[in-house]
Protein backbone atom coordinates (compact mmCIF):
# COMPACT_ATOMS: atom_id res chain seq x y z
CA MET A 1 87.59 51.65 122.95
CA GLU A 2 85.13 54.51 122.98
CA GLN A 3 87.96 57.03 122.72
CA ASN A 4 89.31 55.31 119.59
CA ASN A 5 85.91 55.47 117.93
CA LYS A 6 85.73 59.23 118.47
CA GLU A 7 89.11 59.69 116.82
CA ASP A 8 88.26 57.44 113.88
CA PRO A 9 87.54 59.62 110.77
CA ARG A 10 84.51 57.46 110.03
CA PHE A 11 82.88 58.77 113.21
CA LEU A 12 83.54 62.44 112.50
CA SER A 13 80.44 64.60 112.42
CA GLY A 14 79.43 66.46 109.28
CA LYS A 15 80.47 69.75 110.89
CA ASP A 16 83.97 68.41 111.60
CA LYS A 17 84.34 67.25 108.00
CA LYS A 18 83.28 70.69 106.75
CA LYS A 19 85.89 72.28 109.03
CA ASP A 20 88.54 70.03 107.49
CA LYS A 21 87.50 71.17 104.01
CA LYS A 22 87.63 74.83 105.04
CA TYR A 23 91.14 74.36 106.47
CA TYR A 24 92.08 72.73 103.17
CA GLY A 25 90.90 75.88 101.35
CA LYS A 26 92.96 78.12 103.62
CA PHE A 27 96.00 75.91 102.98
CA LEU A 28 95.54 76.37 99.21
CA ILE A 29 95.31 80.15 99.68
CA LEU A 30 98.61 80.04 101.59
CA ILE A 31 100.19 78.13 98.68
CA ILE A 32 98.90 80.75 96.23
CA PHE A 33 100.46 83.61 98.20
CA ILE A 34 103.77 81.73 98.43
CA ILE A 35 103.76 81.22 94.65
CA ILE A 36 102.96 84.91 94.10
CA ILE A 37 105.83 85.96 96.39
CA VAL A 38 108.30 83.61 94.66
CA GLU A 39 107.28 84.76 91.17
CA TYR A 40 107.36 88.39 92.30
CA TYR A 41 110.88 87.98 93.67
CA SER A 42 112.04 86.25 90.49
CA TYR A 43 110.63 88.86 88.12
CA VAL A 44 111.47 92.03 90.08
CA PHE A 45 114.76 91.23 91.83
CA GLU A 46 116.35 88.34 89.91
CA VAL A 47 115.61 89.68 86.41
CA MET A 48 114.58 93.32 86.16
CA ILE A 49 116.67 94.91 88.90
CA LYS A 50 119.72 92.72 88.23
CA TYR A 51 119.52 93.50 84.54
CA MET A 52 118.98 97.24 85.03
CA ASN A 53 121.63 99.67 83.75
CA GLN A 54 121.79 103.22 82.47
CA LYS A 55 120.76 102.27 78.95
CA ASN A 56 117.61 100.35 79.81
CA PHE A 57 116.71 102.15 83.04
CA SER A 58 113.60 103.88 81.62
CA LEU A 59 112.37 100.69 79.95
CA ILE A 60 112.70 98.54 83.07
CA VAL A 61 111.09 101.17 85.30
CA THR A 62 108.13 101.31 82.89
CA LEU A 63 107.88 97.51 82.85
CA LEU A 64 107.95 97.41 86.65
CA ILE A 65 105.24 100.07 86.99
CA ILE A 66 102.89 98.16 84.67
CA PHE A 67 103.76 94.92 86.48
CA HIS A 68 102.89 96.34 89.90
CA ILE A 69 99.60 97.78 88.66
CA LEU A 70 98.57 94.36 87.34
CA VAL A 71 99.67 92.65 90.57
CA LEU A 72 97.65 95.15 92.61
CA LEU A 73 94.51 94.58 90.50
CA LEU A 74 94.98 90.82 90.80
CA LEU A 75 95.31 90.95 94.58
CA ILE A 76 92.30 93.23 95.01
CA SER A 77 90.08 91.02 92.85
CA PHE A 78 91.40 87.94 94.68
CA ILE A 79 90.56 89.40 98.09
CA SER A 80 87.16 90.63 96.85
CA THR A 81 86.32 87.16 95.51
CA MET A 82 87.41 85.55 98.74
CA ASN A 83 85.62 87.92 101.14
CA THR A 84 82.40 88.78 99.26
CA ASN A 85 79.32 86.82 100.26
CA PRO A 86 78.22 85.01 97.07
CA GLY A 87 74.56 85.44 97.97
CA GLU A 88 72.21 83.81 100.46
CA ILE A 89 68.49 83.10 100.38
CA PRO A 90 66.56 85.85 102.22
CA LEU A 91 65.15 84.78 105.58
CA TYR A 92 61.70 83.16 105.33
CA TRP A 93 61.76 83.44 101.52
CA GLY A 94 58.69 81.55 100.33
CA PHE A 95 57.28 81.03 103.83
CA TYR A 96 55.10 84.14 103.97
CA ILE A 97 51.35 83.81 103.46
CA GLY A 98 50.52 84.91 99.93
CA ASP A 99 53.96 84.11 98.49
CA ASP A 100 53.75 82.95 94.90
CA ASP A 101 53.82 79.21 94.21
CA TYR A 102 57.04 79.45 92.16
CA LYS A 103 58.92 80.22 95.38
CA ARG A 104 57.98 76.81 96.77
CA LYS A 105 59.02 74.65 93.82
CA ARG A 106 62.44 73.75 95.26
CA TYR A 107 63.28 72.98 98.89
CA CYS A 108 66.61 72.38 100.64
CA LEU A 109 66.33 69.66 103.29
CA ILE A 110 69.64 70.72 104.85
CA CYS A 111 68.94 74.44 105.22
CA ASN A 112 65.18 73.86 105.68
CA ALA A 113 64.48 76.66 103.23
CA PHE A 114 62.84 77.10 99.85
CA LYS A 115 65.42 77.57 97.10
CA PRO A 116 65.10 80.15 94.29
CA GLU A 117 65.85 79.19 90.72
CA ARG A 118 69.51 78.45 89.98
CA SER A 119 70.49 78.33 93.65
CA HIS A 120 72.26 75.29 95.06
CA HIS A 121 73.42 74.01 98.42
CA CYS A 122 77.19 74.02 98.99
CA SER A 123 78.28 71.15 101.21
CA ILE A 124 81.53 72.95 102.09
CA CYS A 125 80.07 76.35 102.99
CA ASN A 126 76.99 74.55 104.41
CA LYS A 127 74.51 77.01 102.91
CA CYS A 128 72.45 77.60 99.80
CA VAL A 129 74.09 80.01 97.35
CA LEU A 130 72.26 82.23 94.86
CA ASN A 131 73.15 81.45 91.23
CA MET A 132 75.93 79.17 92.43
CA ASP A 133 78.62 78.54 89.81
CA HIS A 134 80.92 76.30 91.86
CA HIS A 135 82.87 76.19 95.10
CA CYS A 136 86.41 77.36 94.45
CA PRO A 137 88.92 76.00 97.02
CA TRP A 138 91.60 78.38 95.67
CA VAL A 139 89.67 81.36 97.07
CA ASP A 140 88.02 79.35 99.88
CA ASN A 141 84.59 80.59 98.86
CA CYS A 142 81.64 79.77 96.66
CA ILE A 143 81.31 81.62 93.38
CA GLY A 144 77.77 82.94 93.20
CA PHE A 145 75.62 85.87 92.21
CA TYR A 146 77.41 88.64 94.14
CA ASN A 147 81.07 87.64 93.71
CA ARG A 148 81.12 86.04 90.26
CA LYS A 149 82.14 89.38 88.78
CA TYR A 150 85.23 89.51 91.02
CA PHE A 151 86.06 85.89 90.16
CA MET A 152 85.93 86.72 86.44
CA GLN A 153 88.06 89.82 87.03
CA LEU A 154 90.56 87.65 88.92
CA LEU A 155 90.84 85.27 85.97
CA ILE A 156 91.20 88.16 83.51
CA PHE A 157 93.93 89.89 85.53
CA VAL A 158 95.79 86.59 86.06
CA VAL A 159 95.78 85.92 82.31
CA ILE A 160 96.92 89.47 81.49
CA LEU A 161 99.67 89.40 84.14
CA THR A 162 101.07 85.99 83.18
CA ILE A 163 101.10 86.82 79.46
CA TYR A 164 102.72 90.16 80.32
CA ILE A 165 105.46 88.33 82.23
CA ASP A 166 105.91 85.88 79.34
CA ILE A 167 106.43 88.69 76.85
CA SER A 168 108.37 91.22 78.93
CA GLU A 169 110.78 88.74 80.50
CA ILE A 170 111.65 86.48 77.58
CA TYR A 171 114.31 88.80 76.12
CA PHE A 172 116.16 89.05 79.43
CA VAL A 173 115.99 85.29 80.07
CA ILE A 174 117.38 84.50 76.61
CA ASP A 175 120.08 87.16 76.89
CA MET A 176 121.11 85.93 80.35
CA SER A 177 121.35 82.37 79.01
CA ILE A 178 123.51 83.39 76.00
CA LYS A 179 125.89 85.45 78.12
CA LEU A 180 126.20 82.65 80.66
CA PHE A 181 127.18 80.01 78.11
CA LYS A 182 129.66 82.33 76.37
CA LYS A 183 131.90 82.68 79.42
CA ASN A 184 133.26 80.49 82.16
CA VAL A 185 130.30 78.97 83.99
CA LYS A 186 130.10 79.49 87.73
CA TYR A 187 127.88 77.47 90.04
CA LYS A 188 126.22 80.58 91.48
CA GLU A 189 125.34 81.88 88.02
CA ILE A 190 123.93 78.51 86.96
CA ALA A 191 121.78 78.36 90.10
CA HIS A 192 120.53 81.89 89.45
CA LEU A 193 119.69 81.17 85.81
CA GLY A 194 118.06 77.85 86.74
CA PHE A 195 115.80 79.57 89.28
CA VAL A 196 114.76 82.26 86.79
CA VAL A 197 114.13 79.76 83.97
CA ILE A 198 112.07 77.45 86.18
CA CYS A 199 109.92 80.38 87.34
CA TYR A 200 109.52 81.57 83.76
CA ILE A 201 108.51 78.14 82.45
CA ALA A 202 106.03 77.75 85.31
CA VAL A 203 104.40 81.10 84.47
CA PHE A 204 104.35 80.26 80.76
CA ILE A 205 102.60 76.91 81.30
CA PHE A 206 100.20 78.44 83.81
CA SER A 207 99.32 81.26 81.39
CA ILE A 208 98.17 78.67 78.83
CA ILE A 209 96.11 76.70 81.37
CA ILE A 210 94.46 79.74 82.93
CA SER A 211 93.71 81.21 79.48
CA LEU A 212 91.74 78.07 78.59
CA PHE A 213 90.01 78.26 81.97
CA LEU A 214 89.10 81.91 81.35
CA LYS A 215 87.76 81.07 77.88
CA PHE A 216 85.48 78.44 79.42
CA HIS A 217 84.09 80.82 82.04
CA LEU A 218 83.69 83.71 79.59
CA GLN A 219 81.58 81.45 77.41
CA LEU A 220 79.45 80.54 80.42
CA VAL A 221 78.88 84.23 81.18
CA LEU A 222 77.96 85.03 77.56
CA ASP A 223 75.54 82.06 77.54
CA ASN A 224 74.12 83.01 80.96
CA SER A 225 75.08 79.62 82.31
CA THR A 226 77.10 78.28 85.25
CA THR A 227 79.56 75.47 85.75
CA ILE A 228 76.87 73.43 87.52
CA GLU A 229 74.35 74.01 84.74
CA SER A 230 76.89 73.20 82.02
CA LEU A 231 77.45 69.80 83.63
CA ASP A 232 73.72 69.13 83.91
CA LEU A 233 73.25 67.72 80.40
CA GLU A 234 69.90 66.21 81.32
CA HIS A 235 68.33 69.68 81.75
CA LYS A 236 70.38 71.47 79.09
CA ASN A 237 67.34 72.68 77.10
CA GLU A 238 65.61 73.87 80.25
CA ASN A 239 68.68 75.82 81.45
CA ASP A 240 69.06 77.40 78.01
CA LYS A 241 65.97 79.53 78.68
CA TYR A 242 68.13 81.92 80.78
CA ASN A 243 70.15 82.91 77.70
CA VAL A 244 68.63 86.35 76.92
CA GLY A 245 71.38 87.67 74.64
CA LYS A 246 75.09 88.25 75.13
CA ARG A 247 74.76 91.87 76.27
CA GLN A 248 72.12 91.14 78.91
CA ASN A 249 73.92 87.97 79.96
CA TRP A 250 77.13 89.93 80.45
CA GLU A 251 75.37 92.67 82.45
CA GLN A 252 73.81 90.11 84.79
CA VAL A 253 77.37 89.38 85.96
CA PHE A 254 79.32 92.61 85.35
CA GLY A 255 76.56 95.22 85.67
CA SER A 256 75.27 97.76 83.16
CA GLU A 257 78.04 100.36 83.61
CA PRO A 258 81.01 99.60 81.29
CA LEU A 259 83.29 101.86 83.36
CA PHE A 260 82.91 99.47 86.30
CA TRP A 261 83.19 96.17 84.44
CA PHE A 262 86.85 95.76 85.40
CA PHE A 263 86.78 97.84 88.58
CA PRO A 264 87.47 95.28 91.36
CA PHE A 265 85.78 97.25 94.15
CA PRO A 266 82.19 96.88 95.40
CA THR A 267 80.09 99.81 94.14
CA LYS A 268 76.36 100.30 93.60
CA ARG A 269 76.86 101.21 89.95
CA GLY A 270 79.05 98.18 89.36
CA ARG A 271 76.80 95.56 90.97
CA PRO A 272 75.34 92.75 88.83
CA GLU A 273 71.91 93.28 87.27
CA GLY A 274 69.04 91.59 89.08
CA ASP A 275 68.67 90.12 92.56
CA GLY A 276 69.73 86.51 92.09
CA LEU A 277 66.22 85.35 92.98
CA THR A 278 64.27 85.84 89.74
CA TRP A 279 65.58 85.74 86.20
CA ASN A 280 64.75 87.16 82.81
CA ILE A 281 63.86 84.38 80.40
CA LYS A 282 64.16 84.50 76.64
CA ASP A 283 60.95 84.54 74.58
CA ILE A 284 60.35 80.95 73.57
CA GLY A 285 57.15 79.17 72.75
CA ILE A 286 54.99 82.28 72.33
CA LYS A 287 53.63 81.22 68.95
CA ILE A 288 52.72 77.76 70.22
CA ILE A 289 50.85 79.09 73.24
CA GLU A 290 49.13 81.74 71.12
CA ASN A 291 47.83 79.12 68.70
CA ASN A 292 46.70 76.86 71.51
CA ASN A 293 44.76 79.69 73.16
CA LYS A 294 43.09 80.58 69.86
CA ASN A 295 42.02 76.95 69.42
CA PHE A 296 40.32 77.17 72.80
CA GLY A 297 38.57 80.36 71.76
CA THR A 298 40.67 82.67 73.90
CA ASN A 299 42.84 85.58 72.91
CA ASN A 300 44.37 86.57 76.23
CA TYR A 301 47.57 84.54 76.06
CA GLU A 302 49.61 87.65 76.94
CA THR A 303 48.38 87.43 80.50
CA ASN A 304 50.53 84.31 80.89
CA PHE A 305 53.65 86.42 80.50
CA ASN A 306 55.24 89.31 82.28
CA SER A 307 58.01 91.68 81.29
CA ASN A 308 60.58 89.03 82.07
CA GLY A 309 59.36 86.73 79.28
CA PRO A 310 57.41 83.48 79.25
CA PHE A 311 57.70 80.92 82.02
CA SER A 312 59.28 83.45 84.34
CA PRO A 313 57.87 84.02 87.84
CA PRO A 314 55.82 87.16 88.49
CA THR A 315 57.67 90.02 90.09
CA ASN A 316 56.79 91.14 93.60
């Protein structure tokens, strides 16, 4: 009887459940790589190489070179997103004597640690993540302060690659279909065309879905928001204080060097602006506080602010 209880899912420990979720993420990654291999085989071998002749040799070689560059960028950004630590709270952050009070405003009962602004605990990774956007099972990792750039690059390269396949392959798919129906139909040729068409339709539908997904996340970046914050309608006005302008919002994710915005490798010059612990805050409420201080006979309201703007924590 005791043995049955141990095997019952209701009696699984929290750690065992987290392991199950992590295995689920690895299974999804395996599915992604299988899909990539199938689509790669369809585009390269079943369309381009089979359709290659002396007349279109240069065109198809050019198309294949561009295709492989995009695939390489996609894979690098995918691996970078998957393997980059999204950001963890520094050890003993907020526990030192003399630490500012703002460090102790939020506390994680699971990690037994004080949480910086915009950090959240991930139940799957079992840790607090700096500027957590969401946990993505498709990369088996949280999207946070240090890998959000690679996640955005991944979405961008996926959109570019799928649209590129849609455009570059459509002529060959249509031409193959016309030629097939103009002559005696063979089972092998129908099977080949069916495989190519199914793969093409799948890529076409996926390109529309992922484009909408990219649009959503680009808007979050430009608004200096996250998926978690966008769903928190109750604190929408409070979270809006992090919106310091589209340029600064963009640089907090992609860095200040435009040459490295779409460079999917970790570099010092391409790292996001800031530290994920403290945040610039847009200037709101200055006039109100100024007037209130004047009513009390004071004129030192500027001491309530630092270079980061009002309501932001003092820098160390």
